Amino acid sequence: MSKETVTYLIKRKGIDDDDLYITNRPSENVPTIRYSTDKRDAKHFDGLDKTSIDMTKHVAIKKTVTETTKYEEVGLDD
């Protein structure tokens, strides 16, 4: 049995030296976007949140995590 989770990291376009990843969830009420050069700081977006990001200035990076659950019968040693 496998479970797959898809999220997206959002990266700023047009940056030559370092990649800049969005670290917050900007909205219409609070449009400020914060960035980090460390991918580990990037906020994961699932597409269901009410985030407001101008994607003409950004690119989405799809992250797929597949979790597998395995059951197996084992015997007891005498």
PDB file of N, CA and C in Angstrom:
ATOM      1  N   MET A   1       0.846  -1.163   0.000  1.00  0.00           N
ATOM      2  CA  MET A   1       0.000   0.000   0.000  1.00  0.00           C
ATOM      3  C   MET A   1       0.898   1.235   0.000  1.00  0.00           C
ATOM      4  N   SER A   2       0.638   2.166  -0.905  1.00  0.00           N
ATOM      5  CA  SER A   2       1.454   3.378  -1.013  1.00  0.00           C
ATOM      6  C   SER A   2       0.585   4.618  -0.868  1.00  0.00           C
ATOM      7  N   LYS A   3       1.156   5.629  -0.287  1.00  0.00           N
ATOM      8  CA  LYS A   3       0.497   6.929  -0.149  1.00  0.00           C
ATOM      9  C   LYS A   3       1.423   7.961  -0.759  1.00  0.00           C
ATOM     10  N   GLU A   4       0.867   8.827  -1.593  1.00  0.00           N
ATOM     11  CA  GLU A   4       1.667   9.844  -2.263  1.00  0.00           C
ATOM     12  C   GLU A   4       1.192  11.232  -1.831  1.00  0.00           C
ATOM     13  N   THR A   5       2.132  12.087  -1.458  1.00  0.00           N
ATOM     14  CA  THR A   5       1.829  13.464  -1.073  1.00  0.00           C
ATOM     15  C   THR A   5       2.569  14.396  -2.016  1.00  0.00           C
ATOM     16  N   VAL A   6       1.832  15.350  -2.594  1.00  0.00           N
ATOM     17  CA  VAL A   6       2.434  16.309  -3.515  1.00  0.00           C
ATOM     18  C   VAL A   6       2.348  17.701  -2.898  1.00  0.00           C
ATOM     19  N   THR A   7       3.479  18.379  -2.825  1.00  0.00           N
ATOM     20  CA  THR A   7       3.532  19.769  -2.410  1.00  0.00           C
ATOM     21  C   THR A   7       4.428  20.515  -3.391  1.00  0.00           C
ATOM     22  N   TYR A   8       4.439  21.827  -3.273  1.00  0.00           N
ATOM     23  CA  TYR A   8       5.220  22.654  -4.189  1.00  0.00           C
ATOM     24  C   TYR A   8       6.066  23.645  -3.409  1.00  0.00           C
ATOM     25  N   LEU A   9       7.290  23.834  -3.863  1.00  0.00           N
ATOM     26  CA  LEU A   9       8.150  24.902  -3.381  1.00  0.00           C
ATOM     27  C   LEU A   9       8.102  25.984  -4.447  1.00  0.00           C
ATOM     28  N   ILE A  10       8.142  27.236  -4.030  1.00  0.00           N
ATOM     29  CA  ILE A  10       8.088  28.341  -4.979  1.00  0.00           C
ATOM     30  C   ILE A  10       9.417  29.076  -4.942  1.00  0.00           C
ATOM     31  N   LYS A  11      10.021  29.225  -6.119  1.00  0.00           N
ATOM     32  CA  LYS A  11      11.340  29.838  -6.251  1.00  0.00           C
ATOM     33  C   LYS A  11      11.237  31.088  -7.112  1.00  0.00           C
ATOM     34  N   ARG A  12      11.982  32.114  -6.757  1.00  0.00           N
ATOM     35  CA  ARG A  12      12.012  33.379  -7.510  1.00  0.00           C
ATOM     36  C   ARG A  12      12.750  33.168  -8.833  1.00  0.00           C
ATOM     37  N   LYS A  13      12.181  33.670  -9.936  1.00  0.00           N
ATOM     38  CA  LYS A  13      12.827  33.618 -11.257  1.00  0.00           C
ATOM     39  C   LYS A  13      13.822  34.755 -11.394  1.00  0.00           C
ATOM     40  N   GLY A  14      14.786  34.579 -12.282  1.00  0.00           N
ATOM     41  CA  GLY A  14      15.660  35.665 -12.686  1.00  0.00           C
ATOM     42  C   GLY A  14      16.769  36.016 -11.713  1.00  0.00           C
ATOM     43  N   ILE A  15      17.051  35.154 -10.766  1.00  0.00           N
ATOM     44  CA  ILE A  15      18.138  35.386  -9.817  1.00  0.00           C
ATOM     45  C   ILE A  15      19.338  34.581 -10.315  1.00  0.00           C
ATOM     46  N   ASP A  16      20.456  35.253 -10.578  1.00  0.00           N
ATOM     47  CA  ASP A  16      21.614  34.586 -11.167  1.00  0.00           C
ATOM     48  C   ASP A  16      22.480  33.839 -10.159  1.00  0.00           C
ATOM     49  N   ASP A  17      22.748  34.444  -9.003  1.00  0.00           N
ATOM     50  CA  ASP A  17      23.711  33.858  -8.077  1.00  0.00           C
ATOM     51  C   ASP A  17      23.123  32.758  -7.197  1.00  0.00           C
ATOM     52  N   ASP A  18      22.069  33.058  -6.477  1.00  0.00           N
ATOM     53  CA  ASP A  18      21.484  32.116  -5.530  1.00  0.00           C
ATOM     54  C   ASP A  18      20.012  31.888  -5.847  1.00  0.00           C
ATOM     55  N   ASP A  19      19.520  30.682  -5.564  1.00  0.00           N
ATOM     56  CA  ASP A  19      18.094  30.430  -5.644  1.00  0.00           C
ATOM     57  C   ASP A  19      17.440  31.058  -4.419  1.00  0.00           C
ATOM     58  N   LEU A  20      16.289  31.680  -4.602  1.00  0.00           N
ATOM     59  CA  LEU A  20      15.541  32.274  -3.501  1.00  0.00           C
ATOM     60  C   LEU A  20      14.194  31.567  -3.397  1.00  0.00           C
ATOM     61  N   TYR A  21      13.927  30.946  -2.259  1.00  0.00           N
ATOM     62  CA  TYR A  21      12.701  30.192  -2.028  1.00  0.00           C
ATOM     63  C   TYR A  21      11.782  30.974  -1.084  1.00  0.00           C
ATOM     64  N   ILE A  22      10.488  30.941  -1.365  1.00  0.00           N
ATOM     65  CA  ILE A  22       9.519  31.617  -0.508  1.00  0.00           C
ATOM     66  C   ILE A  22       9.418  30.872   0.815  1.00  0.00           C
ATOM     67  N   THR A  23       9.449  31.639   1.919  1.00  0.00           N
ATOM     68  CA  THR A  23       9.423  31.039   3.261  1.00  0.00           C
ATOM     69  C   THR A  23       8.140  31.355   4.028  1.00  0.00           C
ATOM     70  N   ASN A  24       7.198  32.077   3.411  1.00  0.00           N
ATOM     71  CA  ASN A  24       5.935  32.386   4.092  1.00  0.00           C
ATOM     72  C   ASN A  24       4.770  32.180   3.129  1.00  0.00           C
ATOM     73  N   ARG A  25       3.562  32.413   3.628  1.00  0.00           N
ATOM     74  CA  ARG A  25       2.370  32.283   2.783  1.00  0.00           C
ATOM     75  C   ARG A  25       1.743  33.666   2.592  1.00  0.00           C
ATOM     76  N   PRO A  26       2.176  34.395   1.554  1.00  0.00           N
ATOM     77  CA  PRO A  26       1.604  35.715   1.328  1.00  0.00           C
ATOM     78  C   PRO A  26       0.120  35.616   0.946  1.00  0.00           C
ATOM     79  N   SER A  27      -0.635  36.612   1.337  1.00  0.00           N
ATOM     80  CA  SER A  27      -2.061  36.640   1.019  1.00  0.00           C
ATOM     81  C   SER A  27      -2.427  38.034   0.508  1.00  0.00           C
ATOM     82  N   GLU A  28      -3.678  38.220   0.145  1.00  0.00           N
ATOM     83  CA  GLU A  28      -4.111  39.537  -0.307  1.00  0.00           C
ATOM     84  C   GLU A  28      -4.011  40.556   0.829  1.00  0.00           C
ATOM     85  N   ASN A  29      -4.274  40.120   2.057  1.00  0.00           N
ATOM     86  CA  ASN A  29      -4.201  41.021   3.216  1.00  0.00           C
ATOM     87  C   ASN A  29      -2.759  41.312   3.623  1.00  0.00           C
ATOM     88  N   VAL A  30      -1.884  40.325   3.504  1.00  0.00           N
ATOM     89  CA  VAL A  30      -0.462  40.476   3.859  1.00  0.00           C
ATOM     90  C   VAL A  30       0.362  39.982   2.670  1.00  0.00           C
ATOM     91  N   PRO A  31       0.607  40.861   1.674  1.00  0.00           N
ATOM     92  CA  PRO A  31       1.241  40.434   0.426  1.00  0.00           C
ATOM     93  C   PRO A  31       2.768  40.308   0.471  1.00  0.00           C
ATOM     94  N   THR A  32       3.389  40.664   1.582  1.00  0.00           N
ATOM     95  CA  THR A  32       4.853  40.614   1.675  1.00  0.00           C
ATOM     96  C   THR A  32       5.353  39.183   1.509  1.00  0.00           C
ATOM     97  N   ILE A  33       6.347  39.015   0.624  1.00  0.00           N
ATOM     98  CA  ILE A  33       6.960  37.705   0.404  1.00  0.00           C
ATOM     99  C   ILE A  33       8.351  37.726   1.018  1.00  0.00           C
ATOM    100  N   ARG A  34       8.646  36.705   1.816  1.00  0.00           N
ATOM    101  CA  ARG A  34       9.983  36.551   2.394  1.00  0.00           C
ATOM    102  C   ARG A  34      10.674  35.377   1.718  1.00  0.00           C
ATOM    103  N   TYR A  35      11.996  35.507   1.565  1.00  0.00           N
ATOM    104  CA  TYR A  35      12.781  34.507   0.835  1.00  0.00           C
ATOM    105  C   TYR A  35      13.951  34.005   1.678  1.00  0.00           C
ATOM    106  N   SER A  36      14.440  32.825   1.315  1.00  0.00           N
ATOM    107  CA  SER A  36      15.669  32.272   1.880  1.00  0.00           C
ATOM    108  C   SER A  36      16.432  31.585   0.757  1.00  0.00           C
ATOM    109  N   THR A  37      17.754  31.586   0.876  1.00  0.00           N
ATOM    110  CA  THR A  37      18.576  30.848  -0.091  1.00  0.00           C
ATOM    111  C   THR A  37      18.677  29.370   0.278  1.00  0.00           C
ATOM    112  N   ASP A  38      18.190  29.006   1.438  1.00  0.00           N
ATOM    113  CA  ASP A  38      18.251  27.617   1.911  1.00  0.00           C
ATOM    114  C   ASP A  38      16.936  26.904   1.583  1.00  0.00           C
ATOM    115  N   LYS A  39      16.995  25.909   0.740  1.00  0.00           N
ATOM    116  CA  LYS A  39      15.800  25.169   0.324  1.00  0.00           C
ATOM    117  C   LYS A  39      15.067  24.562   1.523  1.00  0.00           C
ATOM    118  N   ARG A  40      15.809  24.233   2.581  1.00  0.00           N
ATOM    119  CA  ARG A  40      15.178  23.649   3.770  1.00  0.00           C
ATOM    120  C   ARG A  40      14.243  24.625   4.476  1.00  0.00           C
ATOM    121  N   ASP A  41      14.418  25.927   4.244  1.00  0.00           N
ATOM    122  CA  ASP A  41      13.547  26.939   4.845  1.00  0.00           C
ATOM    123  C   ASP A  41      12.278  27.179   4.034  1.00  0.00           C
ATOM    124  N   ALA A  42      12.223  26.627   2.831  1.00  0.00           N
ATOM    125  CA  ALA A  42      11.100  26.891   1.924  1.00  0.00           C
ATOM    126  C   ALA A  42       9.789  26.362   2.494  1.00  0.00           C
ATOM    127  N   LYS A  43       8.735  27.148   2.313  1.00  0.00           N
ATOM    128  CA  LYS A  43       7.395  26.751   2.734  1.00  0.00           C
ATOM    129  C   LYS A  43       6.847  25.791   1.684  1.00  0.00           C
ATOM    130  N   HIS A  44       6.192  24.745   2.133  1.00  0.00           N
ATOM    131  CA  HIS A  44       5.582  23.772   1.226  1.00  0.00           C
ATOM    132  C   HIS A  44       4.124  24.176   1.002  1.00  0.00           C
ATOM    133  N   PHE A  45       3.749  24.313  -0.260  1.00  0.00           N
ATOM    134  CA  PHE A  45       2.387  24.685  -0.631  1.00  0.00           C
ATOM    135  C   PHE A  45       1.690  23.458  -1.185  1.00  0.00           C
ATOM    136  N   ASP A  46       0.428  23.249  -0.783  1.00  0.00           N
ATOM    137  CA  ASP A  46      -0.303  22.086  -1.280  1.00  0.00           C
ATOM    138  C   ASP A  46      -1.351  22.453  -2.330  1.00  0.00           C
ATOM    139  N   GLY A  47      -1.449  23.728  -2.663  1.00  0.00           N
ATOM    140  CA  GLY A  47      -2.398  24.158  -3.678  1.00  0.00           C
ATOM    141  C   GLY A  47      -3.789  24.428  -3.130  1.00  0.00           C
ATOM    142  N   LEU A  48      -4.014  24.110  -1.856  1.00  0.00           N
ATOM    143  CA  LEU A  48      -5.326  24.312  -1.253  1.00  0.00           C
ATOM    144  C   LEU A  48      -5.383  25.564  -0.384  1.00  0.00           C
ATOM    145  N   ASP A  49      -4.224  26.115  -0.061  1.00  0.00           N
ATOM    146  CA  ASP A  49      -4.201  27.297   0.793  1.00  0.00           C
ATOM    147  C   ASP A  49      -4.551  28.544  -0.011  1.00  0.00           C
ATOM    148  N   LYS A  50      -4.927  29.584   0.670  1.00  0.00           N
ATOM    149  CA  LYS A  50      -5.333  30.838   0.008  1.00  0.00           C
ATOM    150  C   LYS A  50      -4.145  31.769  -0.123  1.00  0.00           C
ATOM    151  N   THR A  51      -3.145  31.329  -0.865  1.00  0.00           N
ATOM    152  CA  THR A  51      -1.921  32.080  -1.058  1.00  0.00           C
ATOM    153  C   THR A  51      -2.034  32.936  -2.312  1.00  0.00           C
ATOM    154  N   SER A  52      -1.454  34.133  -2.248  1.00  0.00           N
ATOM    155  CA  SER A  52      -1.478  35.046  -3.386  1.00  0.00           C
ATOM    156  C   SER A  52      -0.036  35.329  -3.823  1.00  0.00           C
ATOM    157  N   ILE A  53       0.388  34.679  -4.920  1.00  0.00           N
ATOM    158  CA  ILE A  53       1.761  34.818  -5.415  1.00  0.00           C
ATOM    159  C   ILE A  53       1.702  35.093  -6.914  1.00  0.00           C
ATOM    160  N   ASP A  54       2.429  36.120  -7.353  1.00  0.00           N
ATOM    161  CA  ASP A  54       2.530  36.439  -8.775  1.00  0.00           C
ATOM    162  C   ASP A  54       3.473  35.417  -9.418  1.00  0.00           C
ATOM    163  N   MET A  55       2.909  34.441 -10.106  1.00  0.00           N
ATOM    164  CA  MET A  55       3.717  33.349 -10.652  1.00  0.00           C
ATOM    165  C   MET A  55       4.481  33.755 -11.918  1.00  0.00           C
ATOM    166  N   THR A  56       4.262  34.970 -12.438  1.00  0.00           N
ATOM    167  CA  THR A  56       5.095  35.421 -13.553  1.00  0.00           C
ATOM    168  C   THR A  56       6.512  35.725 -13.066  1.00  0.00           C
ATOM    169  N   LYS A  57       6.669  35.922 -11.758  1.00  0.00           N
ATOM    170  CA  LYS A  57       7.976  36.209 -11.162  1.00  0.00           C
ATOM    171  C   LYS A  57       8.563  34.997 -10.445  1.00  0.00           C
ATOM    172  N   HIS A  58       7.827  33.882 -10.444  1.00  0.00           N
ATOM    173  CA  HIS A  58       8.234  32.704  -9.685  1.00  0.00           C
ATOM    174  C   HIS A  58       8.045  31.436 -10.508  1.00  0.00           C
ATOM    175  N   VAL A  59       8.654  30.375 -10.060  1.00  0.00           N
ATOM    176  CA  VAL A  59       8.478  29.063 -10.670  1.00  0.00           C
ATOM    177  C   VAL A  59       8.164  28.067  -9.551  1.00  0.00           C
ATOM    178  N   ALA A  60       7.272  27.126  -9.834  1.00  0.00           N
ATOM    179  CA  ALA A  60       6.905  26.105  -8.855  1.00  0.00           C
ATOM    180  C   ALA A  60       7.758  24.857  -9.069  1.00  0.00           C
ATOM    181  N   ILE A  61       8.188  24.269  -7.965  1.00  0.00           N
ATOM    182  CA  ILE A  61       8.956  23.026  -8.001  1.00  0.00           C
ATOM    183  C   ILE A  61       8.108  21.963  -7.311  1.00  0.00           C
ATOM    184  N   LYS A  62       7.712  20.955  -8.059  1.00  0.00           N
ATOM    185  CA  LYS A  62       6.851  19.897  -7.524  1.00  0.00           C
ATOM    186  C   LYS A  62       7.673  18.925  -6.690  1.00  0.00           C
ATOM    187  N   LYS A  63       7.192  18.643  -5.478  1.00  0.00           N
ATOM    188  CA  LYS A  63       7.846  17.681  -4.590  1.00  0.00           C
ATOM    189  C   LYS A  63       6.853  16.548  -4.331  1.00  0.00           C
ATOM    190  N   THR A  64       7.220  15.327  -4.704  1.00  0.00           N
ATOM    191  CA  THR A  64       6.365  14.166  -4.498  1.00  0.00           C
ATOM    192  C   THR A  64       7.043  13.241  -3.498  1.00  0.00           C
ATOM    193  N   VAL A  65       6.321  12.924  -2.435  1.00  0.00           N
ATOM    194  CA  VAL A  65       6.830  12.004  -1.418  1.00  0.00           C
ATOM    195  C   VAL A  65       5.937  10.777  -1.450  1.00  0.00           C
ATOM    196  N   THR A  66       6.547   9.619  -1.654  1.00  0.00           N
ATOM    197  CA  THR A  66       5.806   8.366  -1.683  1.00  0.00           C
ATOM    198  C   THR A  66       6.145   7.568  -0.437  1.00  0.00           C
ATOM    199  N   GLU A  67       5.104   7.262   0.316  1.00  0.00           N
ATOM    200  CA  GLU A  67       5.266   6.494   1.547  1.00  0.00           C
ATOM    201  C   GLU A  67       4.681   5.108   1.308  1.00  0.00           C
ATOM    202  N   THR A  68       5.445   4.093   1.592  1.00  0.00           N
ATOM    203  CA  THR A  68       4.988   2.727   1.392  1.00  0.00           C
ATOM    204  C   THR A  68       4.854   2.028   2.742  1.00  0.00           C
ATOM    205  N   THR A  69       3.710   1.398   2.945  1.00  0.00           N
ATOM    206  CA  THR A  69       3.478   0.616   4.148  1.00  0.00           C
ATOM    207  C   THR A  69       3.460  -0.853   3.741  1.00  0.00           C
ATOM    208  N   LYS A  70       4.266  -1.634   4.417  1.00  0.00           N
ATOM    209  CA  LYS A  70       4.394  -3.050   4.057  1.00  0.00           C
ATOM    210  C   LYS A  70       4.065  -3.905   5.279  1.00  0.00           C
ATOM    211  N   TYR A  71       3.187  -4.879   5.093  1.00  0.00           N
ATOM    212  CA  TYR A  71       2.840  -5.823   6.150  1.00  0.00           C
ATOM    213  C   TYR A  71       3.369  -7.186   5.749  1.00  0.00           C
ATOM    214  N   GLU A  72       3.947  -7.867   6.701  1.00  0.00           N
ATOM    215  CA  GLU A  72       4.488  -9.182   6.396  1.00  0.00           C
ATOM    216  C   GLU A  72       4.376 -10.075   7.627  1.00  0.00           C
ATOM    217  N   GLU A  73       3.857 -11.247   7.405  1.00  0.00           N
ATOM    218  CA  GLU A  73       3.689 -12.202   8.498  1.00  0.00           C
ATOM    219  C   GLU A  73       5.043 -12.837   8.805  1.00  0.00           C
ATOM    220  N   VAL A  74       5.352 -12.920  10.082  1.00  0.00           N
ATOM    221  CA  VAL A  74       6.631 -13.519  10.486  1.00  0.00           C
ATOM    222  C   VAL A  74       6.357 -14.670  11.442  1.00  0.00           C
ATOM    223  N   GLY A  75       7.237 -15.650  11.398  1.00  0.00           N
ATOM    224  CA  GLY A  75       7.120 -16.794  12.300  1.00  0.00           C
ATOM    225  C   GLY A  75       7.988 -16.581  13.532  1.00  0.00           C
ATOM    226  N   LEU A  76       7.633 -17.267  14.604  1.00  0.00           N
ATOM    227  CA  LEU A  76       8.417 -17.182  15.830  1.00  0.00           C
ATOM    228  C   LEU A  76       9.414 -18.325  15.872  1.00  0.00           C
ATOM    229  N   ASP A  77      10.628 -18.048  16.320  1.00  0.00           N
ATOM    230  CA  ASP A  77      11.641 -19.095  16.471  1.00  0.00           C
ATOM    231  C   ASP A  77      11.343 -19.894  17.741  1.00  0.00           C
ATOM    232  N   ASP A  78      11.505 -21.221  17.658  1.00  0.00           N
ATOM    233  CA  ASP A  78      11.256 -22.083  18.849  1.00  0.00           C
ATOM    234  C   ASP A  78      12.408 -22.045  19.794  1.00  0.00           C
TER     235      ASP A  78
END
